[in-house]
PDB file of N, CA and C in Angstrom:
ATOM      1  N   MET A   1      -5.940   8.074   8.463  1.00  0.00           N
ATOM      2  CA  MET A   1      -6.056   7.212   7.306  1.00  0.00           C
ATOM      3  C   MET A   1      -6.420   5.810   7.762  1.00  0.00           C
ATOM      4  N   GLU A   2      -7.435   5.257   7.129  1.00  0.00           N
ATOM      5  CA  GLU A   2      -7.841   3.898   7.468  1.00  0.00           C
ATOM      6  C   GLU A   2      -6.814   2.904   6.943  1.00  0.00           C
ATOM      7  N   LYS A   3      -6.625   1.848   7.730  1.00  0.00           N
ATOM      8  CA  LYS A   3      -5.723   0.782   7.316  1.00  0.00           C
ATOM      9  C   LYS A   3      -6.411  -0.060   6.252  1.00  0.00           C
ATOM     10  N   LEU A   4      -5.630  -0.474   5.262  1.00  0.00           N
ATOM     11  CA  LEU A   4      -6.172  -1.329   4.216  1.00  0.00           C
ATOM     12  C   LEU A   4      -6.176  -2.781   4.661  1.00  0.00           C
ATOM     13  N   THR A   5      -7.210  -3.516   4.246  1.00  0.00           N
ATOM     14  CA  THR A   5      -7.217  -4.959   4.469  1.00  0.00           C
ATOM     15  C   THR A   5      -6.237  -5.582   3.475  1.00  0.00           C
ATOM     16  N   HIS A   6      -5.937  -6.859   3.667  1.00  0.00           N
ATOM     17  CA  HIS A   6      -5.012  -7.539   2.759  1.00  0.00           C
ATOM     18  C   HIS A   6      -5.530  -7.483   1.326  1.00  0.00           C
ATOM     19  N   GLN A   7      -6.817  -7.755   1.118  1.00  0.00           N
ATOM     20  CA  GLN A   7      -7.397  -7.727  -0.232  1.00  0.00           C
ATOM     21  C   GLN A   7      -7.360  -6.320  -0.829  1.00  0.00           C
ATOM     22  N   GLU A   8      -7.662  -5.320  -0.010  1.00  0.00           N
ATOM     23  CA  GLU A   8      -7.624  -3.938  -0.489  1.00  0.00           C
ATOM     24  C   GLU A   8      -6.208  -3.548  -0.880  1.00  0.00           C
ATOM     25  N   GLU A   9      -5.250  -3.934  -0.070  1.00  0.00           N
ATOM     26  CA  GLU A   9      -3.856  -3.614  -0.361  1.00  0.00           C
ATOM     27  C   GLU A   9      -3.399  -4.293  -1.658  1.00  0.00           C
ATOM     28  N   GLU A  10      -3.797  -5.545  -1.843  1.00  0.00           N
ATOM     29  CA  GLU A  10      -3.436  -6.282  -3.059  1.00  0.00           C
ATOM     30  C   GLU A  10      -3.958  -5.551  -4.301  1.00  0.00           C
ATOM     31  N   ILE A  11      -5.181  -5.082  -4.232  1.00  0.00           N
ATOM     32  CA  ILE A  11      -5.763  -4.379  -5.375  1.00  0.00           C
ATOM     33  C   ILE A  11      -5.146  -2.994  -5.536  1.00  0.00           C
ATOM     34  N   MET A  12      -4.878  -2.305  -4.436  1.00  0.00           N
ATOM     35  CA  MET A  12      -4.233  -0.989  -4.551  1.00  0.00           C
ATOM     36  C   MET A  12      -2.856  -1.108  -5.196  1.00  0.00           C
ATOM     37  N   LEU A  13      -2.104  -2.156  -4.869  1.00  0.00           N
ATOM     38  CA  LEU A  13      -0.792  -2.340  -5.496  1.00  0.00           C
ATOM     39  C   LEU A  13      -0.934  -2.458  -7.017  1.00  0.00           C
ATOM     40  N   ILE A  14      -1.968  -3.143  -7.462  1.00  0.00           N
ATOM     41  CA  ILE A  14      -2.228  -3.271  -8.898  1.00  0.00           C
ATOM     42  C   ILE A  14      -2.625  -1.920  -9.486  1.00  0.00           C
ATOM     43  N   ILE A  15      -3.494  -1.206  -8.798  1.00  0.00           N
ATOM     44  CA  ILE A  15      -3.950   0.100  -9.295  1.00  0.00           C
ATOM     45  C   ILE A  15      -2.780   1.067  -9.377  1.00  0.00           C
ATOM     46  N   TRP A  16      -1.894   1.044  -8.387  1.00  0.00           N
ATOM     47  CA  TRP A  16      -0.716   1.919  -8.452  1.00  0.00           C
ATOM     48  C   TRP A  16       0.165   1.568  -9.648  1.00  0.00           C
ATOM     49  N   GLN A  17       0.237   0.299  -9.994  1.00  0.00           N
ATOM     50  CA  GLN A  17       1.036  -0.112 -11.155  1.00  0.00           C
ATOM     51  C   GLN A  17       0.434   0.395 -12.456  1.00  0.00           C
ATOM     52  N   VAL A  18      -0.881   0.264 -12.608  1.00  0.00           N
ATOM     53  CA  VAL A  18      -1.520   0.642 -13.872  1.00  0.00           C
ATOM     54  C   VAL A  18      -1.891   2.131 -13.919  1.00  0.00           C
ATOM     55  N   LYS A  19      -1.786   2.815 -12.798  1.00  0.00           N
ATOM     56  CA  LYS A  19      -2.079   4.254 -12.656  1.00  0.00           C
ATOM     57  C   LYS A  19      -3.581   4.572 -12.635  1.00  0.00           C
ATOM     58  N   SER A  20      -4.350   3.971 -13.508  1.00  0.00           N
ATOM     59  CA  SER A  20      -5.805   4.110 -13.509  1.00  0.00           C
ATOM     60  C   SER A  20      -6.365   2.990 -14.377  1.00  0.00           C
ATOM     61  N   GLY A  21      -7.646   2.698 -14.205  1.00  0.00           N
ATOM     62  CA  GLY A  21      -8.235   1.648 -15.023  1.00  0.00           C
ATOM     63  C   GLY A  21      -9.625   1.272 -14.562  1.00  0.00           C
ATOM     64  N   VAL A  22     -10.164   0.287 -15.249  1.00  0.00           N
ATOM     65  CA  VAL A  22     -11.485  -0.238 -14.930  1.00  0.00           C
ATOM     66  C   VAL A  22     -11.304  -1.565 -14.195  1.00  0.00           C
ATOM     67  N   ILE A  23     -12.370  -2.063 -13.612  1.00  0.00           N
ATOM     68  CA  ILE A  23     -12.315  -3.291 -12.808  1.00  0.00           C
ATOM     69  C   ILE A  23     -11.635  -4.422 -13.581  1.00  0.00           C
ATOM     70  N   LYS A  24     -11.988  -4.571 -14.842  1.00  0.00           N
ATOM     71  CA  LYS A  24     -11.433  -5.654 -15.649  1.00  0.00           C
ATOM     72  C   LYS A  24      -9.901  -5.552 -15.757  1.00  0.00           C
ATOM     73  N   ASP A  25      -9.372  -4.321 -15.843  1.00  0.00           N
ATOM     74  CA  ASP A  25      -7.917  -4.124 -15.896  1.00  0.00           C
ATOM     75  C   ASP A  25      -7.254  -4.683 -14.643  1.00  0.00           C
ATOM     76  N   PHE A  26      -7.866  -4.416 -13.504  1.00  0.00           N
ATOM     77  CA  PHE A  26      -7.299  -4.864 -12.230  1.00  0.00           C
ATOM     78  C   PHE A  26      -7.406  -6.382 -12.108  1.00  0.00           C
ATOM     79  N   LEU A  27      -8.551  -6.898 -12.483  1.00  0.00           N
ATOM     80  CA  LEU A  27      -8.791  -8.340 -12.413  1.00  0.00           C
ATOM     81  C   LEU A  27      -7.809  -9.104 -13.307  1.00  0.00           C
ATOM     82  N   ASN A  28      -7.534  -8.575 -14.489  1.00  0.00           N
ATOM     83  CA  ASN A  28      -6.619  -9.242 -15.426  1.00  0.00           C
ATOM     84  C   ASN A  28      -5.191  -9.327 -14.890  1.00  0.00           C
ATOM     85  N   ARG A  29      -4.807  -8.439 -14.005  1.00  0.00           N
ATOM     86  CA  ARG A  29      -3.454  -8.446 -13.446  1.00  0.00           C
ATOM     87  C   ARG A  29      -3.324  -9.307 -12.192  1.00  0.00           C
ATOM     88  N   MET A  30      -4.433  -9.811 -11.707  1.00  0.00           N
ATOM     89  CA  MET A  30      -4.405 -10.624 -10.490  1.00  0.00           C
ATOM     90  C   MET A  30      -3.970 -12.042 -10.820  1.00  0.00           C
ATOM     91  N   GLU A  31      -3.335 -12.684  -9.831  1.00  0.00           N
ATOM     92  CA  GLU A  31      -2.867 -14.050 -10.013  1.00  0.00           C
ATOM     93  C   GLU A  31      -4.024 -15.038  -9.866  1.00  0.00           C
ATOM     94  N   GLU A  32      -3.828 -16.201 -10.453  1.00  0.00           N
ATOM     95  CA  GLU A  32      -4.801 -17.291 -10.326  1.00  0.00           C
ATOM     96  C   GLU A  32      -4.719 -17.890  -8.930  1.00  0.00           C
ATOM     97  N   PRO A  33      -5.756 -18.339  -8.352  1.00  0.00           N
ATOM     98  CA  PRO A  33      -7.127 -18.216  -8.832  1.00  0.00           C
ATOM     99  C   PRO A  33      -7.641 -16.799  -8.611  1.00  0.00           C
ATOM    100  N   LYS A  34      -8.198 -16.230  -9.639  1.00  0.00           N
ATOM    101  CA  LYS A  34      -8.702 -14.859  -9.563  1.00  0.00           C
ATOM    102  C   LYS A  34     -10.038 -14.832  -8.832  1.00  0.00           C
ATOM    103  N   PRO A  35     -10.238 -13.789  -8.041  1.00  0.00           N
ATOM    104  CA  PRO A  35     -11.545 -13.673  -7.374  1.00  0.00           C
ATOM    105  C   PRO A  35     -12.616 -13.306  -8.402  1.00  0.00           C
ATOM    106  N   PRO A  36     -13.871 -13.489  -8.050  1.00  0.00           N
ATOM    107  CA  PRO A  36     -14.951 -13.092  -8.968  1.00  0.00           C
ATOM    108  C   PRO A  36     -14.928 -11.581  -9.237  1.00  0.00           C
ATOM    109  N   TYR A  37     -15.407 -11.203 -10.403  1.00  0.00           N
ATOM    110  CA  TYR A  37     -15.484  -9.801 -10.801  1.00  0.00           C
ATOM    111  C   TYR A  37     -16.209  -8.975  -9.738  1.00  0.00           C
ATOM    112  N   THR A  38     -17.309  -9.511  -9.231  1.00  0.00           N
ATOM    113  CA  THR A  38     -18.112  -8.771  -8.249  1.00  0.00           C
ATOM    114  C   THR A  38     -17.342  -8.513  -6.957  1.00  0.00           C
ATOM    115  N   THR A  39     -16.466  -9.438  -6.584  1.00  0.00           N
ATOM    116  CA  THR A  39     -15.649  -9.250  -5.379  1.00  0.00           C
ATOM    117  C   THR A  39     -14.679  -8.095  -5.578  1.00  0.00           C
ATOM    118  N   VAL A  40     -14.014  -8.083  -6.724  1.00  0.00           N
ATOM    119  CA  VAL A  40     -13.065  -6.994  -7.022  1.00  0.00           C
ATOM    120  C   VAL A  40     -13.811  -5.666  -7.094  1.00  0.00           C
ATOM    121  N   ALA A  41     -14.967  -5.658  -7.733  1.00  0.00           N
ATOM    122  CA  ALA A  41     -15.766  -4.425  -7.837  1.00  0.00           C
ATOM    123  C   ALA A  41     -16.157  -3.913  -6.457  1.00  0.00           C
ATOM    124  N   SER A  42     -16.538  -4.807  -5.573  1.00  0.00           N
ATOM    125  CA  SER A  42     -16.921  -4.433  -4.217  1.00  0.00           C
ATOM    126  C   SER A  42     -15.733  -3.842  -3.450  1.00  0.00           C
ATOM    127  N   ILE A  43     -14.574  -4.468  -3.583  1.00  0.00           N
ATOM    128  CA  ILE A  43     -13.367  -3.980  -2.903  1.00  0.00           C
ATOM    129  C   ILE A  43     -12.977  -2.606  -3.440  1.00  0.00           C
ATOM    130  N   VAL A  44     -13.057  -2.427  -4.753  1.00  0.00           N
ATOM    131  CA  VAL A  44     -12.724  -1.136  -5.363  1.00  0.00           C
ATOM    132  C   VAL A  44     -13.688  -0.061  -4.864  1.00  0.00           C
ATOM    133  N   LYS A  45     -14.969  -0.387  -4.776  1.00  0.00           N
ATOM    134  CA  LYS A  45     -15.943   0.578  -4.241  1.00  0.00           C
ATOM    135  C   LYS A  45     -15.602   0.954  -2.795  1.00  0.00           C
ATOM    136  N   ASN A  46     -15.191  -0.026  -1.983  1.00  0.00           N
ATOM    137  CA  ASN A  46     -14.781   0.261  -0.603  1.00  0.00           C
ATOM    138  C   ASN A  46     -13.562   1.171  -0.577  1.00  0.00           C
ATOM    139  N   LEU A  47     -12.618   0.935  -1.482  1.00  0.00           N
ATOM    140  CA  LEU A  47     -11.436   1.794  -1.559  1.00  0.00           C
ATOM    141  C   LEU A  47     -11.817   3.229  -1.922  1.00  0.00           C
ATOM    142  N   GLU A  48     -12.819   3.359  -2.770  1.00  0.00           N
ATOM    143  CA  GLU A  48     -13.303   4.691  -3.128  1.00  0.00           C
ATOM    144  C   GLU A  48     -13.971   5.349  -1.919  1.00  0.00           C
ATOM    145  N   LYS A  49     -14.787   4.599  -1.191  1.00  0.00           N
ATOM    146  CA  LYS A  49     -15.444   5.129   0.015  1.00  0.00           C
ATOM    147  C   LYS A  49     -14.428   5.551   1.070  1.00  0.00           C
ATOM    148  N   LYS A  50     -13.331   4.785   1.191  1.00  0.00           N
ATOM    149  CA  LYS A  50     -12.286   5.097   2.166  1.00  0.00           C
ATOM    150  C   LYS A  50     -11.411   6.274   1.725  1.00  0.00           C
ATOM    151  N   GLY A  51     -11.582   6.723   0.487  1.00  0.00           N
ATOM    152  CA  GLY A  51     -10.832   7.879   0.014  1.00  0.00           C
ATOM    153  C   GLY A  51      -9.513   7.561  -0.668  1.00  0.00           C
ATOM    154  N   PHE A  52      -9.285   6.309  -1.002  1.00  0.00           N
ATOM    155  CA  PHE A  52      -8.043   5.930  -1.676  1.00  0.00           C
ATOM    156  C   PHE A  52      -8.148   6.083  -3.192  1.00  0.00           C
ATOM    157  N   LEU A  53      -9.389   6.051  -3.711  1.00  0.00           N
ATOM    158  CA  LEU A  53      -9.618   6.151  -5.152  1.00  0.00           C
ATOM    159  C   LEU A  53     -10.666   7.206  -5.451  1.00  0.00           C
ATOM    160  N   THR A  54     -10.598   7.710  -6.653  1.00  0.00           N
ATOM    161  CA  THR A  54     -11.663   8.540  -7.190  1.00  0.00           C
ATOM    162  C   THR A  54     -12.083   7.877  -8.493  1.00  0.00           C
ATOM    163  N   SER A  55     -13.241   8.248  -9.017  1.00  0.00           N
ATOM    164  CA  SER A  55     -13.700   7.609 -10.250  1.00  0.00           C
ATOM    165  C   SER A  55     -14.235   8.637 -11.237  1.00  0.00           C
ATOM    166  N   LYS A  56     -14.139   8.239 -12.503  1.00  0.00           N
ATOM    167  CA  LYS A  56     -14.716   9.029 -13.594  1.00  0.00           C
ATOM    168  C   LYS A  56     -15.624   8.091 -14.381  1.00  0.00           C
ATOM    169  N   LYS A  57     -16.809   8.580 -14.687  1.00  0.00           N
ATOM    170  CA  LYS A  57     -17.755   7.761 -15.438  1.00  0.00           C
ATOM    171  C   LYS A  57     -17.589   8.035 -16.930  1.00  0.00           C
ATOM    172  N   HIS A  58     -17.409   6.958 -17.689  1.00  0.00           N
ATOM    173  CA  HIS A  58     -17.322   7.021 -19.149  1.00  0.00           C
ATOM    174  C   HIS A  58     -18.444   6.135 -19.684  1.00  0.00           C
ATOM    175  N   GLY A  59     -19.555   6.738 -20.044  1.00  0.00           N
ATOM    176  CA  GLY A  59     -20.718   5.955 -20.458  1.00  0.00           C
ATOM    177  C   GLY A  59     -21.251   5.210 -19.248  1.00  0.00           C
ATOM    178  N   ASN A  60     -21.237   3.876 -19.319  1.00  0.00           N
ATOM    179  CA  ASN A  60     -21.697   3.087 -18.167  1.00  0.00           C
ATOM    180  C   ASN A  60     -20.536   2.376 -17.466  1.00  0.00           C
ATOM    181  N   ILE A  61     -19.310   2.837 -17.734  1.00  0.00           N
ATOM    182  CA  ILE A  61     -18.120   2.236 -17.136  1.00  0.00           C
ATOM    183  C   ILE A  61     -17.427   3.280 -16.268  1.00  0.00           C
ATOM    184  N   TYR A  62     -16.927   2.831 -15.117  1.00  0.00           N
ATOM    185  CA  TYR A  62     -16.180   3.707 -14.225  1.00  0.00           C
ATOM    186  C   TYR A  62     -14.689   3.426 -14.331  1.00  0.00           C
ATOM    187  N   GLU A  63     -13.929   4.507 -14.481  1.00  0.00           N
ATOM    188  CA  GLU A  63     -12.470   4.437 -14.433  1.00  0.00           C
ATOM    189  C   GLU A  63     -12.050   4.873 -13.035  1.00  0.00           C
ATOM    190  N   TYR A  64     -11.166   4.098 -12.420  1.00  0.00           N
ATOM    191  CA  TYR A  64     -10.729   4.396 -11.053  1.00  0.00           C
ATOM    192  C   TYR A  64      -9.289   4.890 -11.068  1.00  0.00           C
ATOM    193  N   ILE A  65      -9.051   5.951 -10.295  1.00  0.00           N
ATOM    194  CA  ILE A  65      -7.748   6.607 -10.239  1.00  0.00           C
ATOM    195  C   ILE A  65      -7.341   6.733  -8.774  1.00  0.00           C
ATOM    196  N   PRO A  66      -6.082   6.375  -8.442  1.00  0.00           N
ATOM    197  CA  PRO A  66      -5.648   6.521  -7.050  1.00  0.00           C
ATOM    198  C   PRO A  66      -5.562   7.993  -6.644  1.00  0.00           C
ATOM    199  N   VAL A  67      -5.939   8.271  -5.411  1.00  0.00           N
ATOM    200  CA  VAL A  67      -5.886   9.626  -4.873  1.00  0.00           C
ATOM    201  C   VAL A  67      -4.472   9.958  -4.403  1.00  0.00           C
ATOM    202  N   MET A  68      -3.764   8.938  -3.916  1.00  0.00           N
ATOM    203  CA  MET A  68      -2.384   9.119  -3.467  1.00  0.00           C
ATOM    204  C   MET A  68      -1.519   8.069  -4.140  1.00  0.00           C
ATOM    205  N   ASP A  69      -0.224   8.375  -4.282  1.00  0.00           N
ATOM    206  CA  ASP A  69       0.653   7.376  -4.884  1.00  0.00           C
ATOM    207  C   ASP A  69       1.155   6.404  -3.815  1.00  0.00           C
ATOM    208  N   GLU A  70       1.782   5.345  -4.270  1.00  0.00           N
ATOM    209  CA  GLU A  70       2.215   4.273  -3.372  1.00  0.00           C
ATOM    210  C   GLU A  70       3.201   4.766  -2.315  1.00  0.00           C
ATOM    211  N   SER A  71       4.138   5.621  -2.711  1.00  0.00           N
ATOM    212  CA  SER A  71       5.131   6.092  -1.737  1.00  0.00           C
ATOM    213  C   SER A  71       4.487   6.946  -0.650  1.00  0.00           C
ATOM    214  N   GLU A  72       3.479   7.727  -1.010  1.00  0.00           N
ATOM    215  CA  GLU A  72       2.762   8.533  -0.013  1.00  0.00           C
ATOM    216  C   GLU A  72       2.042   7.623   0.983  1.00  0.00           C
ATOM    217  N   TYR A  73       1.413   6.554   0.471  1.00  0.00           N
ATOM    218  CA  TYR A  73       0.740   5.598   1.354  1.00  0.00           C
ATOM    219  C   TYR A  73       1.747   4.938   2.294  1.00  0.00           C
ATOM    220  N   LYS A  74       2.882   4.498   1.744  1.00  0.00           N
ATOM    221  CA  LYS A  74       3.908   3.852   2.570  1.00  0.00           C
ATOM    222  C   LYS A  74       4.375   4.780   3.686  1.00  0.00           C
ATOM    223  N   THR A  75       4.594   6.037   3.345  1.00  0.00           N
ATOM    224  CA  THR A  75       5.044   7.017   4.340  1.00  0.00           C
ATOM    225  C   THR A  75       4.017   7.165   5.461  1.00  0.00           C
ATOM    226  N   LYS A  76       2.749   7.324   5.095  1.00  0.00           N
ATOM    227  CA  LYS A  76       1.697   7.490   6.102  1.00  0.00           C
ATOM    228  C   LYS A  76       1.508   6.215   6.911  1.00  0.00           C
ATOM    229  N   PHE A  77       1.533   5.066   6.222  1.00  0.00           N
ATOM    230  CA  PHE A  77       1.351   3.791   6.909  1.00  0.00           C
ATOM    231  C   PHE A  77       2.484   3.528   7.892  1.00  0.00           C
ATOM    232  N   MET A  78       3.709   3.716   7.438  1.00  0.00           N
ATOM    233  CA  MET A  78       4.859   3.457   8.313  1.00  0.00           C
ATOM    234  C   MET A  78       4.902   4.439   9.483  1.00  0.00           C
ATOM    235  N   SER A  79       4.510   5.665   9.240  1.00  0.00           N
ATOM    236  CA  SER A  79       4.452   6.637  10.336  1.00  0.00           C
ATOM    237  C   SER A  79       3.475   6.170  11.400  1.00  0.00           C
ATOM    238  N   GLY A  80       2.346   5.612  10.975  1.00  0.00           N
ATOM    239  CA  GLY A  80       1.363   5.079  11.921  1.00  0.00           C
ATOM    240  C   GLY A  80       1.898   3.880  12.674  1.00  0.00           C
ATOM    241  N   VAL A  81       2.603   2.994  11.986  1.00  0.00           N
ATOM    242  CA  VAL A  81       3.194   1.812  12.641  1.00  0.00           C
ATOM    243  C   VAL A  81       4.205   2.252  13.686  1.00  0.00           C
ATOM    244  N   VAL A  82       5.075   3.173  13.311  1.00  0.00           N
ATOM    245  CA  VAL A  82       6.092   3.652  14.254  1.00  0.00           C
ATOM    246  C   VAL A  82       5.428   4.337  15.450  1.00  0.00           C
ATOM    247  N   ARG A  83       4.427   5.157  15.192  1.00  0.00           N
ATOM    248  CA  ARG A  83       3.724   5.864  16.268  1.00  0.00           C
ATOM    249  C   ARG A  83       3.003   4.887  17.194  1.00  0.00           C
ATOM    250  N   ASN A  84       2.300   3.907  16.616  1.00  0.00           N
ATOM    251  CA  ASN A  84       1.451   3.020  17.407  1.00  0.00           C
ATOM    252  C   ASN A  84       2.189   1.861  18.071  1.00  0.00           C
ATOM    253  N   TYR A  85       3.268   1.403  17.472  1.00  0.00           N
ATOM    254  CA  TYR A  85       3.936   0.205  17.984  1.00  0.00           C
ATOM    255  C   TYR A  85       5.338   0.453  18.531  1.00  0.00           C
ATOM    256  N   PHE A  86       5.932   1.587  18.196  1.00  0.00           N
ATOM    257  CA  PHE A  86       7.318   1.831  18.597  1.00  0.00           C
ATOM    258  C   PHE A  86       7.499   3.182  19.279  1.00  0.00           C
ATOM    259  N   GLU A  87       6.465   3.626  19.979  1.00  0.00           N
ATOM    260  CA  GLU A  87       6.513   4.858  20.771  1.00  0.00           C
ATOM    261  C   GLU A  87       6.992   6.054  19.952  1.00  0.00           C
ATOM    262  N   ASN A  88       6.601   6.070  18.682  1.00  0.00           N
ATOM    263  CA  ASN A  88       6.948   7.151  17.767  1.00  0.00           C
ATOM    264  C   ASN A  88       8.466   7.301  17.578  1.00  0.00           C
ATOM    265  N   SER A  89       9.187   6.190  17.685  1.00  0.00           N
ATOM    266  CA  SER A  89      10.644   6.214  17.584  1.00  0.00           C
ATOM    267  C   SER A  89      11.133   5.210  16.536  1.00  0.00           C
ATOM    268  N   TYR A  90      11.771   5.734  15.495  1.00  0.00           N
ATOM    269  CA  TYR A  90      12.348   4.849  14.483  1.00  0.00           C
ATOM    270  C   TYR A  90      13.508   4.058  15.070  1.00  0.00           C
ATOM    271  N   LYS A  91      14.182   4.638  16.051  1.00  0.00           N
ATOM    272  CA  LYS A  91      15.253   3.925  16.743  1.00  0.00           C
ATOM    273  C   LYS A  91      14.694   2.679  17.425  1.00  0.00           C
ATOM    274  N   GLU A  92      13.536   2.814  18.081  1.00  0.00           N
ATOM    275  CA  GLU A  92      12.893   1.671  18.728  1.00  0.00           C
ATOM    276  C   GLU A  92      12.518   0.604  17.697  1.00  0.00           C
ATOM    277  N   MET A  93      12.070   1.049  16.529  1.00  0.00           N
ATOM    278  CA  MET A  93      11.694   0.099  15.492  1.00  0.00           C
ATOM    279  C   MET A  93      12.918  -0.680  15.000  1.00  0.00           C
ATOM    280  N   VAL A  94      14.007   0.020  14.718  1.00  0.00           N
ATOM    281  CA  VAL A  94      15.224  -0.647  14.246  1.00  0.00           C
ATOM    282  C   VAL A  94      15.765  -1.569  15.333  1.00  0.00           C
ATOM    283  N   THR A  95      15.718  -1.130  16.583  1.00  0.00           N
ATOM    284  CA  THR A  95      16.171  -1.958  17.702  1.00  0.00           C
ATOM    285  C   THR A  95      15.342  -3.238  17.785  1.00  0.00           C
ATOM    286  N   PHE A  96      14.044  -3.104  17.611  1.00  0.00           N
ATOM    287  CA  PHE A  96      13.174  -4.279  17.626  1.00  0.00           C
ATOM    288  C   PHE A  96      13.600  -5.289  16.570  1.00  0.00           C
ATOM    289  N   PHE A  97      13.801  -4.829  15.348  1.00  0.00           N
ATOM    290  CA  PHE A  97      14.175  -5.740  14.269  1.00  0.00           C
ATOM    291  C   PHE A  97      15.575  -6.320  14.477  1.00  0.00           C
ATOM    292  N   ALA A  98      16.468  -5.554  15.069  1.00  0.00           N
ATOM    293  CA  ALA A  98      17.806  -6.067  15.358  1.00  0.00           C
ATOM    294  C   ALA A  98      17.734  -7.165  16.421  1.00  0.00           C
ATOM    295  N   LYS A  99      16.952  -6.940  17.467  1.00  0.00           N
ATOM    296  CA  LYS A  99      16.807  -7.937  18.524  1.00  0.00           C
ATOM    297  C   LYS A  99      16.138  -9.215  18.008  1.00  0.00           C
ATOM    298  N   GLU A 100      15.197  -9.052  17.109  1.00  0.00           N
ATOM    299  CA  GLU A 100      14.479 -10.201  16.540  1.00  0.00           C
ATOM    300  C   GLU A 100      15.286 -10.873  15.422  1.00  0.00           C
ATOM    301  N   GLN A 101      16.460 -10.342  15.154  1.00  0.00           N
ATOM    302  CA  GLN A 101      17.359 -10.845  14.111  1.00  0.00           C
ATOM    303  C   GLN A 101      16.686 -10.826  12.742  1.00  0.00           C
ATOM    304  N   LYS A 102      15.906  -9.791  12.510  1.00  0.00           N
ATOM    305  CA  LYS A 102      15.241  -9.604  11.219  1.00  0.00           C
ATOM    306  C   LYS A 102      16.026  -8.653  10.328  1.00  0.00           C
ATOM    307  N   ILE A 103      17.090  -8.076  10.894  1.00  0.00           N
ATOM    308  CA  ILE A 103      17.941  -7.155  10.151  1.00  0.00           C
ATOM    309  C   ILE A 103      19.388  -7.500  10.481  1.00  0.00           C
ATOM    310  N   SER A 104      20.201  -7.555   9.454  1.00  0.00           N
ATOM    311  CA  SER A 104      21.596  -7.972   9.650  1.00  0.00           C
ATOM    312  C   SER A 104      22.499  -6.778   9.936  1.00  0.00           C
ATOM    313  N   THR A 105      23.694  -7.076  10.403  1.00  0.00           N
ATOM    314  CA  THR A 105      24.699  -6.040  10.640  1.00  0.00           C
ATOM    315  C   THR A 105      25.014  -5.322   9.339  1.00  0.00           C
ATOM    316  N   LYS A 106      25.104  -6.087   8.261  1.00  0.00           N
ATOM    317  CA  LYS A 106      25.383  -5.498   6.948  1.00  0.00           C
ATOM    318  C   LYS A 106      24.271  -4.517   6.557  1.00  0.00           C
ATOM    319  N   ASP A 107      23.018  -4.911   6.790  1.00  0.00           N
ATOM    320  CA  ASP A 107      21.892  -4.021   6.494  1.00  0.00           C
ATOM    321  C   ASP A 107      21.981  -2.741   7.321  1.00  0.00           C
ATOM    322  N   LEU A 108      22.298  -2.895   8.598  1.00  0.00           N
ATOM    323  CA  LEU A 108      22.423  -1.720   9.472  1.00  0.00           C
ATOM    324  C   LEU A 108      23.541  -0.800   8.995  1.00  0.00           C
ATOM    325  N   GLU A 109      24.652  -1.374   8.568  1.00  0.00           N
ATOM    326  CA  GLU A 109      25.765  -0.563   8.056  1.00  0.00           C
ATOM    327  C   GLU A 109      25.340   0.209   6.807  1.00  0.00           C
ATOM    328  N   GLU A 110      24.574  -0.438   5.936  1.00  0.00           N
ATOM    329  CA  GLU A 110      24.080   0.236   4.731  1.00  0.00           C
ATOM    330  C   GLU A 110      23.119   1.374   5.089  1.00  0.00           C
ATOM    331  N   ILE A 111      22.280   1.145   6.097  1.00  0.00           N
ATOM    332  CA  ILE A 111      21.350   2.187   6.551  1.00  0.00           C
ATOM    333  C   ILE A 111      22.136   3.377   7.099  1.00  0.00           C
ATOM    334  N   ILE A 112      23.165   3.098   7.881  1.00  0.00           N
ATOM    335  CA  ILE A 112      24.001   4.171   8.442  1.00  0.00           C
ATOM    336  C   ILE A 112      24.652   4.973   7.322  1.00  0.00           C
ATOM    337  N   LYS A 113      25.149   4.293   6.296  1.00  0.00           N
ATOM    338  CA  LYS A 113      25.761   4.996   5.149  1.00  0.00           C
ATOM    339  C   LYS A 113      24.749   5.884   4.447  1.00  0.00           C
ATOM    340  N   LEU A 114      23.525   5.372   4.281  1.00  0.00           N
ATOM    341  CA  LEU A 114      22.467   6.181   3.662  1.00  0.00           C
ATOM    342  C   LEU A 114      22.160   7.433   4.477  1.00  0.00           C
ATOM    343  N   ILE A 115      22.108   7.264   5.789  1.00  0.00           N
ATOM    344  CA  ILE A 115      21.826   8.401   6.683  1.00  0.00           C
ATOM    345  C   ILE A 115      22.951   9.410   6.605  1.00  0.00           C
ATOM    346  N   GLU A 116      24.170   8.950   6.609  1.00  0.00           N
ATOM    347  CA  GLU A 116      25.330   9.850   6.566  1.00  0.00           C
ATOM    348  C   GLU A 116      25.386  10.625   5.254  1.00  0.00           C
ATOM    349  N   LYS A 117      24.936  10.025   4.147  1.00  0.00           N
ATOM    350  CA  LYS A 117      24.910  10.711   2.855  1.00  0.00           C
ATOM    351  C   LYS A 117      23.891  11.848   2.855  1.00  0.00           C
ATOM    352  N   GLN A 118      22.835  11.694   3.646  1.00  0.00           N
ATOM    353  CA  GLN A 118      21.797  12.714   3.706  1.00  0.00           C
ATOM    354  C   GLN A 118      22.337  13.898   4.453  1.00  0.00           C
TER     355      GLN A 118
END
């Protein structure tokens, strides 16, 4: 799976929220200053080429639909991060964040409770 650029990810987050739509729908949900319509259209076309979206033509308008949902993307993306940066070990990833003080003891305790419930 290709990694999304920041702009692609921003638009995919909007598309996942609306489930499907046309370029104008996505543009209307973007924060100010909004990019030009043509920029959003170009990014959406790239997302379709990368396999993240499919489209249906209605007259002269295209409706875009995500191929995968947000949780599926997160799972695949995080698996790649863990594989590429943490020797395929979630333990290494958690250790990294603990050493960098990006995760608190309280957070770790909550994670342990979640694991134990499973």
